[in-house]
Amino acid sequence: MYLTEEKKKEVFKKHNKNEKDTGTAEGQIALFSLRIAHLTAHLKNNKKDFNTQRSLVLLVGKRRNHLDYLKKKDITRYRAIVKELELRR
């Protein structure tokens, strides 16, 4: 499995105060970005995998909603996470 418990803790530790703080918007956005990158790589090899394609679209929408929430609540945190993850905005 590509997303192990250690990998999740590492992502949350990097983008949050600690690895147990999994509910912040930054941590969720980072985790979504990691999953989006994995699914994108999978779809490059499997072009007809429409279930994965649908999952990818849903994940992008979830990340978009989290980014919109963060932008509305705290613009400096929003700008920091977009710059750190190198998202196109």
N, C-alpha and C. Protein backbone atom coordinates (compact mmCIF):
# COMPACT_ATOMS: atom_id res chain seq x y z
N MET A 1 0.85 -1.18 0.00
CA MET A 1 0.00 0.00 0.00
C MET A 1 0.89 1.24 0.00
N TYR A 2 0.54 2.21 -0.77
CA TYR A 2 1.38 3.38 -0.94
C TYR A 2 1.30 4.35 0.23
N LEU A 3 0.20 4.33 0.98
CA LEU A 3 0.01 5.30 2.05
C LEU A 3 -0.03 4.57 3.39
N THR A 4 1.15 4.38 3.97
CA THR A 4 1.24 3.68 5.24
C THR A 4 1.00 4.65 6.39
N GLU A 5 0.86 4.10 7.57
CA GLU A 5 0.63 4.91 8.77
C GLU A 5 1.82 5.83 9.03
N GLU A 6 3.04 5.34 8.78
CA GLU A 6 4.24 6.15 9.00
C GLU A 6 4.28 7.33 8.01
N LYS A 7 3.86 7.07 6.78
CA LYS A 7 3.85 8.14 5.77
C LYS A 7 2.85 9.22 6.15
N LYS A 8 1.67 8.81 6.65
CA LYS A 8 0.67 9.78 7.08
C LYS A 8 1.20 10.62 8.24
N LYS A 9 1.84 9.96 9.21
CA LYS A 9 2.40 10.69 10.36
C LYS A 9 3.46 11.68 9.91
N GLU A 10 4.26 11.27 8.94
CA GLU A 10 5.30 12.15 8.42
C GLU A 10 4.69 13.39 7.76
N VAL A 11 3.63 13.18 6.98
CA VAL A 11 2.96 14.30 6.30
C VAL A 11 2.34 15.24 7.32
N PHE A 12 1.65 14.69 8.31
CA PHE A 12 1.01 15.52 9.32
C PHE A 12 2.03 16.23 10.20
N LYS A 13 3.16 15.57 10.48
CA LYS A 13 4.19 16.21 11.30
C LYS A 13 4.83 17.37 10.54
N LYS A 14 4.98 17.21 9.25
CA LYS A 14 5.60 18.27 8.44
C LYS A 14 4.69 19.49 8.31
N HIS A 15 3.37 19.28 8.21
CA HIS A 15 2.46 20.38 7.94
C HIS A 15 1.64 20.83 9.15
N ASN A 16 1.75 20.13 10.27
CA ASN A 16 1.03 20.49 11.48
C ASN A 16 2.01 20.66 12.63
N LYS A 17 1.48 20.90 13.80
CA LYS A 17 2.32 21.02 14.98
C LYS A 17 2.93 19.67 15.35
N ASN A 18 2.13 18.60 15.29
CA ASN A 18 2.62 17.25 15.56
C ASN A 18 1.85 16.26 14.71
N GLU A 19 2.28 14.99 14.75
CA GLU A 19 1.64 14.00 13.87
C GLU A 19 0.27 13.57 14.36
N LYS A 20 -0.09 13.87 15.61
CA LYS A 20 -1.41 13.50 16.12
C LYS A 20 -2.48 14.54 15.77
N ASP A 21 -2.06 15.70 15.32
CA ASP A 21 -2.99 16.76 14.95
C ASP A 21 -3.37 16.58 13.49
N THR A 22 -4.36 15.72 13.24
CA THR A 22 -4.69 15.34 11.87
C THR A 22 -5.86 16.12 11.29
N GLY A 23 -6.45 17.00 12.05
CA GLY A 23 -7.66 17.66 11.59
C GLY A 23 -7.47 19.03 10.99
N THR A 24 -6.26 19.57 11.02
CA THR A 24 -6.08 20.91 10.49
C THR A 24 -6.19 20.90 8.97
N ALA A 25 -6.56 22.04 8.44
CA ALA A 25 -6.74 22.15 6.99
C ALA A 25 -5.44 21.91 6.24
N GLU A 26 -4.33 22.39 6.78
CA GLU A 26 -3.05 22.21 6.10
C GLU A 26 -2.69 20.74 5.98
N GLY A 27 -2.89 19.99 7.06
CA GLY A 27 -2.58 18.57 7.02
C GLY A 27 -3.47 17.81 6.05
N GLN A 28 -4.76 18.15 6.04
CA GLN A 28 -5.67 17.49 5.13
C GLN A 28 -5.33 17.82 3.67
N ILE A 29 -5.00 19.07 3.40
CA ILE A 29 -4.63 19.48 2.04
C ILE A 29 -3.37 18.75 1.59
N ALA A 30 -2.39 18.63 2.49
CA ALA A 30 -1.15 17.93 2.15
C ALA A 30 -1.41 16.46 1.86
N LEU A 31 -2.27 15.83 2.67
CA LEU A 31 -2.59 14.43 2.46
C LEU A 31 -3.36 14.24 1.14
N PHE A 32 -4.30 15.12 0.86
CA PHE A 32 -5.02 15.06 -0.41
C PHE A 32 -4.05 15.22 -1.58
N SER A 33 -3.09 16.13 -1.46
CA SER A 33 -2.14 16.35 -2.54
C SER A 33 -1.29 15.12 -2.79
N LEU A 34 -0.90 14.44 -1.71
CA LEU A 34 -0.12 13.21 -1.85
C LEU A 34 -0.94 12.14 -2.57
N ARG A 35 -2.20 11.99 -2.18
CA ARG A 35 -3.07 11.00 -2.82
C ARG A 35 -3.35 11.37 -4.27
N ILE A 36 -3.52 12.65 -4.55
CA ILE A 36 -3.77 13.11 -5.93
C ILE A 36 -2.57 12.79 -6.81
N ALA A 37 -1.36 13.02 -6.29
CA ALA A 37 -0.16 12.72 -7.07
C ALA A 37 -0.06 11.23 -7.36
N HIS A 38 -0.41 10.40 -6.38
CA HIS A 38 -0.35 8.95 -6.59
C HIS A 38 -1.38 8.50 -7.64
N LEU A 39 -2.60 9.01 -7.55
CA LEU A 39 -3.63 8.62 -8.50
C LEU A 39 -3.32 9.13 -9.91
N THR A 40 -2.72 10.30 -10.00
CA THR A 40 -2.34 10.84 -11.30
C THR A 40 -1.30 9.95 -11.97
N ALA A 41 -0.32 9.50 -11.19
CA ALA A 41 0.69 8.60 -11.74
C ALA A 41 0.06 7.28 -12.18
N HIS A 42 -0.89 6.78 -11.40
CA HIS A 42 -1.57 5.54 -11.76
C HIS A 42 -2.35 5.70 -13.06
N LEU A 43 -3.01 6.85 -13.23
CA LEU A 43 -3.83 7.06 -14.42
C LEU A 43 -2.99 7.27 -15.68
N LYS A 44 -1.73 7.66 -15.53
CA LYS A 44 -0.88 7.78 -16.71
C LYS A 44 -0.63 6.42 -17.34
N ASN A 45 -0.58 5.38 -16.50
CA ASN A 45 -0.36 4.03 -17.01
C ASN A 45 -1.66 3.31 -17.35
N ASN A 46 -2.75 3.67 -16.69
CA ASN A 46 -4.03 2.99 -16.85
C ASN A 46 -5.09 4.01 -17.28
N LYS A 47 -5.08 4.33 -18.53
CA LYS A 47 -5.93 5.41 -19.03
C LYS A 47 -7.43 5.08 -18.97
N LYS A 48 -7.78 3.82 -18.97
CA LYS A 48 -9.20 3.44 -18.99
C LYS A 48 -9.75 3.09 -17.61
N ASP A 49 -9.03 3.41 -16.56
CA ASP A 49 -9.48 3.14 -15.20
C ASP A 49 -10.38 4.29 -14.75
N PHE A 50 -11.64 4.18 -15.09
CA PHE A 50 -12.57 5.29 -14.86
C PHE A 50 -12.98 5.41 -13.40
N ASN A 51 -12.93 4.34 -12.62
CA ASN A 51 -13.21 4.46 -11.19
C ASN A 51 -12.16 5.29 -10.49
N THR A 52 -10.91 5.07 -10.84
CA THR A 52 -9.84 5.87 -10.28
C THR A 52 -9.93 7.32 -10.75
N GLN A 53 -10.33 7.50 -11.99
CA GLN A 53 -10.49 8.85 -12.52
C GLN A 53 -11.56 9.62 -11.74
N ARG A 54 -12.65 8.94 -11.42
CA ARG A 54 -13.71 9.57 -10.64
C ARG A 54 -13.22 9.89 -9.23
N SER A 55 -12.48 8.97 -8.63
CA SER A 55 -11.92 9.20 -7.30
C SER A 55 -10.98 10.40 -7.30
N LEU A 56 -10.21 10.53 -8.36
CA LEU A 56 -9.29 11.66 -8.48
C LEU A 56 -10.05 12.98 -8.54
N VAL A 57 -11.12 13.02 -9.32
CA VAL A 57 -11.92 14.24 -9.44
C VAL A 57 -12.54 14.61 -8.08
N LEU A 58 -13.02 13.60 -7.35
CA LEU A 58 -13.59 13.85 -6.03
C LEU A 58 -12.54 14.38 -5.05
N LEU A 59 -11.33 13.81 -5.11
CA LEU A 59 -10.26 14.28 -4.22
C LEU A 59 -9.86 15.71 -4.54
N VAL A 60 -9.79 16.04 -5.81
CA VAL A 60 -9.45 17.41 -6.20
C VAL A 60 -10.52 18.37 -5.68
N GLY A 61 -11.78 17.96 -5.74
CA GLY A 61 -12.86 18.79 -5.21
C GLY A 61 -12.77 18.96 -3.71
N LYS A 62 -12.42 17.90 -2.99
CA LYS A 62 -12.26 18.02 -1.54
C LYS A 62 -11.12 18.96 -1.19
N ARG A 63 -10.00 18.82 -1.92
CA ARG A 63 -8.87 19.72 -1.66
C ARG A 63 -9.25 21.16 -1.97
N ARG A 64 -10.01 21.36 -3.04
CA ARG A 64 -10.47 22.69 -3.41
C ARG A 64 -11.33 23.29 -2.29
N ASN A 65 -12.24 22.49 -1.72
CA ASN A 65 -13.08 22.97 -0.63
C ASN A 65 -12.26 23.33 0.61
N HIS A 66 -11.27 22.51 0.93
CA HIS A 66 -10.41 22.83 2.07
C HIS A 66 -9.61 24.10 1.82
N LEU A 67 -9.12 24.27 0.59
CA LEU A 67 -8.37 25.48 0.27
C LEU A 67 -9.26 26.72 0.33
N ASP A 68 -10.50 26.60 -0.14
CA ASP A 68 -11.43 27.73 -0.07
C ASP A 68 -11.73 28.10 1.38
N TYR A 69 -11.92 27.08 2.23
CA TYR A 69 -12.17 27.32 3.65
C TYR A 69 -10.99 28.04 4.29
N LEU A 70 -9.77 27.56 4.00
CA LEU A 70 -8.58 28.16 4.58
C LEU A 70 -8.38 29.58 4.08
N LYS A 71 -8.69 29.82 2.82
CA LYS A 71 -8.57 31.16 2.25
C LYS A 71 -9.53 32.12 2.93
N LYS A 72 -10.74 31.63 3.24
CA LYS A 72 -11.73 32.47 3.89
C LYS A 72 -11.36 32.75 5.36
N LYS A 73 -10.78 31.77 6.04
CA LYS A 73 -10.49 31.90 7.47
C LYS A 73 -9.17 32.62 7.74
N ASP A 74 -8.11 32.24 7.03
CA ASP A 74 -6.78 32.80 7.31
C ASP A 74 -5.96 32.81 6.03
N ILE A 75 -5.86 33.98 5.42
CA ILE A 75 -5.22 34.09 4.11
C ILE A 75 -3.72 33.81 4.18
N THR A 76 -3.07 34.10 5.31
CA THR A 76 -1.63 33.86 5.41
C THR A 76 -1.33 32.36 5.45
N ARG A 77 -2.13 31.58 6.17
CA ARG A 77 -1.95 30.13 6.20
C ARG A 77 -2.23 29.55 4.82
N TYR A 78 -3.22 30.10 4.14
CA TYR A 78 -3.56 29.66 2.77
C TYR A 78 -2.38 29.88 1.83
N ARG A 79 -1.83 31.07 1.87
CA ARG A 79 -0.69 31.38 0.98
C ARG A 79 0.51 30.51 1.30
N ALA A 80 0.73 30.24 2.59
CA ALA A 80 1.87 29.42 2.99
C ALA A 80 1.73 27.99 2.47
N ILE A 81 0.54 27.41 2.60
CA ILE A 81 0.37 26.02 2.17
C ILE A 81 0.41 25.90 0.64
N VAL A 82 -0.13 26.90 -0.06
CA VAL A 82 -0.09 26.87 -1.53
C VAL A 82 1.37 26.97 -2.01
N LYS A 83 2.15 27.82 -1.35
CA LYS A 83 3.54 27.98 -1.74
C LYS A 83 4.35 26.72 -1.38
N GLU A 84 4.07 26.16 -0.21
CA GLU A 84 4.83 24.99 0.24
C GLU A 84 4.56 23.77 -0.63
N LEU A 85 3.30 23.57 -1.00
CA LEU A 85 2.95 22.41 -1.84
C LEU A 85 3.07 22.69 -3.33
N GLU A 86 3.40 23.92 -3.68
CA GLU A 86 3.55 24.34 -5.07
C GLU A 86 2.30 24.06 -5.88
N LEU A 87 1.16 24.49 -5.35
CA LEU A 87 -0.12 24.33 -6.05
C LEU A 87 -0.34 25.50 -6.97
N ARG A 88 -0.94 25.26 -8.10
CA ARG A 88 -1.27 26.33 -9.04
C ARG A 88 -2.54 26.99 -8.56
N ARG A 89 -2.49 28.28 -8.33
CA ARG A 89 -3.67 29.02 -7.86
C ARG A 89 -3.71 30.34 -8.56
